[in-house]
Amino acid sequence: MNKTNEEERKNVLKLLGDYLRKGNKTQLKLYENINPEIMSLLADKVLTSAFLKMMCDYDLVSCAIMMFENNLNISETSRNAFLHRNTLVYRIEKIQKLSGLNIKNFEDAFTLKLLMVLYYEKNRNE
């Protein structure tokens, strides 16, 4: 992995860590109490190479986080993130292409968030 990719990965992990720490207290307790060995085994089974590629893209990860913070509302996310709506839609489509999950759908967004937590827990100490 070249230096810029490694820096991008570290930035993504910091962004994810900050987001998870300021999140819902109940969710935070749940994440903290999951056995790390189980978390790692699960991550190895469900994190695809395309998903891992997405997780190395700061813009896509921040887009997903902003969507979570704005209750999956594209208009609110666009406004609060100071992004043109079409740019946001493009990033959402790219997330869907790489992860196979439609972040505009609650069930898929929930799955994506769990996968992001798995990714963070697996990689945060590296």
Protein backbone atom coordinates (compact mmCIF):
# COMPACT_ATOMS: atom_id res chain seq x y z
CA MET A 1 0.00 0.00 0.00
CA ASN A 2 1.51 3.35 -0.99
CA LYS A 3 1.85 6.28 1.39
CA THR A 4 -1.22 8.21 0.19
CA ASN A 5 -3.43 5.12 0.46
CA GLU A 6 -2.13 4.44 3.96
CA GLU A 7 -2.79 8.06 4.96
CA GLU A 8 -6.30 7.85 3.48
CA ARG A 9 -6.93 4.63 5.41
CA LYS A 10 -5.78 6.24 8.66
CA ASN A 11 -8.02 9.26 7.98
CA VAL A 12 -10.98 6.94 7.37
CA LEU A 13 -10.32 5.08 10.62
CA LYS A 14 -10.09 8.36 12.55
CA LEU A 15 -13.34 9.60 10.97
CA LEU A 16 -15.09 6.34 11.83
CA GLY A 17 -13.76 6.33 15.37
CA ASP A 18 -14.90 9.91 15.96
CA TYR A 19 -18.34 9.12 14.55
CA LEU A 20 -18.79 5.97 16.62
CA ARG A 21 -17.66 7.63 19.86
CA LYS A 22 -20.12 10.50 19.54
CA GLY A 23 -22.99 8.21 18.57
CA ASN A 24 -25.88 6.66 20.42
CA LYS A 25 -24.79 5.53 23.91
CA THR A 26 -26.73 2.26 23.67
CA GLN A 27 -25.08 1.40 20.35
CA LEU A 28 -21.69 2.32 21.77
CA LYS A 29 -22.16 -0.07 24.73
CA LEU A 30 -23.22 -2.81 22.31
CA TYR A 31 -20.13 -2.32 20.12
CA GLU A 32 -17.82 -2.25 23.16
CA ASN A 33 -19.21 -5.52 24.51
CA ILE A 34 -18.88 -7.62 21.38
CA ASN A 35 -16.07 -10.13 21.76
CA PRO A 36 -13.14 -8.89 19.60
CA GLU A 37 -12.31 -12.43 18.42
CA ILE A 38 -15.87 -12.97 17.22
CA MET A 39 -15.82 -9.52 15.62
CA SER A 40 -12.61 -10.36 13.76
CA LEU A 41 -13.90 -13.74 12.56
CA LEU A 42 -17.14 -12.16 11.37
CA ALA A 43 -15.23 -9.38 9.60
CA ASP A 44 -13.08 -11.91 7.75
CA LYS A 45 -16.22 -13.65 6.49
CA VAL A 46 -18.36 -10.67 5.44
CA LEU A 47 -16.03 -7.85 4.40
CA THR A 48 -15.62 -8.22 0.64
CA SER A 49 -12.73 -6.77 -1.37
CA ALA A 50 -15.13 -4.26 -2.99
CA PHE A 51 -16.34 -3.16 0.45
CA LEU A 52 -12.74 -2.82 1.63
CA LYS A 53 -12.02 -0.67 -1.42
CA MET A 54 -14.94 1.58 -0.45
CA MET A 55 -13.60 1.85 3.10
CA CYS A 56 -10.35 3.30 1.76
CA ASP A 57 -12.21 6.21 0.16
CA TYR A 58 -12.61 9.04 2.67
CA ASP A 59 -15.29 10.79 0.59
CA LEU A 60 -17.47 7.68 0.42
CA VAL A 61 -17.14 6.89 4.11
CA SER A 62 -17.88 10.48 5.10
CA CYS A 63 -20.88 10.44 2.73
CA ALA A 64 -22.25 7.32 4.46
CA ILE A 65 -21.70 8.85 7.90
CA MET A 66 -23.41 12.08 6.86
CA MET A 67 -26.37 10.08 5.56
CA PHE A 68 -26.62 8.28 8.92
CA GLU A 69 -26.44 11.59 10.78
CA ASN A 70 -29.23 13.04 8.62
CA ASN A 71 -31.60 10.06 8.90
CA LEU A 72 -30.91 8.90 5.33
CA ASN A 73 -32.42 12.13 3.98
CA ILE A 74 -30.62 13.14 0.79
CA SER A 75 -31.80 16.77 0.81
CA GLU A 76 -30.78 17.32 4.45
CA THR A 77 -27.44 15.58 3.94
CA SER A 78 -26.71 17.64 0.85
CA ARG A 79 -27.57 20.87 2.65
CA ASN A 80 -25.68 20.07 5.86
CA ALA A 81 -22.61 18.74 4.06
CA PHE A 82 -22.50 21.66 1.62
CA LEU A 83 -22.53 19.17 -1.25
CA HIS A 84 -24.40 19.52 -4.50
CA ARG A 85 -27.25 17.02 -4.50
CA ASN A 86 -25.97 15.33 -7.67
CA THR A 87 -22.53 14.86 -6.09
CA LEU A 88 -24.15 13.22 -3.09
CA VAL A 89 -26.30 10.98 -5.31
CA TYR A 90 -23.20 9.99 -7.29
CA ARG A 91 -21.39 9.00 -4.08
CA ILE A 92 -24.42 7.06 -2.85
CA GLU A 93 -24.51 5.16 -6.14
CA LYS A 94 -20.79 4.43 -5.85
CA ILE A 95 -21.32 3.11 -2.32
CA GLN A 96 -24.10 0.87 -3.65
CA LYS A 97 -21.91 -0.38 -6.49
CA LEU A 98 -19.02 -1.26 -4.17
CA SER A 99 -20.93 -2.56 -1.16
CA GLY A 100 -24.04 -3.97 -2.83
CA LEU A 101 -26.11 -2.00 -0.30
CA ASN A 102 -28.55 0.82 -1.04
CA ILE A 103 -27.90 3.34 1.71
CA LYS A 104 -31.23 5.06 1.01
CA ASN A 105 -32.95 1.93 2.32
CA PHE A 106 -33.03 1.61 6.13
CA GLU A 107 -32.24 -2.13 6.23
CA ASP A 108 -29.27 -1.72 3.89
CA ALA A 109 -28.08 1.39 5.74
CA PHE A 110 -28.21 -0.53 9.02
CA THR A 111 -26.22 -3.38 7.48
CA LEU A 112 -23.68 -0.92 6.08
CA LYS A 113 -23.26 0.72 9.48
CA LEU A 114 -22.64 -2.67 11.11
CA LEU A 115 -20.09 -3.55 8.43
CA MET A 116 -18.38 -0.21 9.02
CA VAL A 117 -18.19 -0.97 12.75
CA LEU A 118 -16.70 -4.40 11.96
CA TYR A 119 -14.15 -2.77 9.68
CA TYR A 120 -13.26 -0.20 12.33
CA GLU A 121 -12.92 -2.74 15.11
CA LYS A 122 -10.79 -5.01 12.97
CA ASN A 123 -8.43 -2.25 11.82
CA ARG A 124 -8.30 0.38 14.56
CA ASN A 125 -5.22 -0.99 16.33
CA GLU A 126 -3.08 -1.43 13.23
